[in-house]
């Protein structure tokens, strides 16, 4: 059964990485993985400004971290300023984990000898100056990333328009469409809502 989804999802740039574990275990011959926004929506179970922002953080952050190189999944440390329950940071962490392979203590522990370990690469409550920081394990290069959806959308206002005391039947009926139009606006303004800071 094909999943119905918003057509603009197909217009969003995918994220391409190489994962040596994928090649080692015979998933494919090259280790190349392409992750789409739809893949992340399926993982999260929904599309919202937070999921969109986390996807853009990964897209733009990895591009800055690796330049013309292909990002190496499983070779990236991810640090998040907030706790998992603060400002939806847990959702952000989940998205970034799926894309980068980084986990706290629950991921793949690697094969004998320690290769392909994914644990101890995702951290919350880190005293950093940006919302998120990526670090390449090979070169130690770091990239800080901030997300500012409020520059172009107001998710809380749109949500309250459907569940608030003054919400009309028409407000409730049009809410799903308006909510995804908000997400589309975030992607259309990716350069305005994402700041990448080389450190």
Foldseek 3Di string as FASTA:
>chain_A
DDDDDDPCQVVFDWAKAAEVVCCVVPVDPGRIDIGGLVNLCVVLVHFAQLSLQLRLCCVVVQCVQAVPDGHYALQKAKEFQADCPPPVVVSSQVNVCVVRVADAAPGDQDDPVRPSGRHPRYYYNDPDPARMKMAGNPPRWIKGKHFALVVFDDLVVLVCCQVPPPNDPVSVVCSVVVRVVSSVRCSVPSVPGMDMDTD
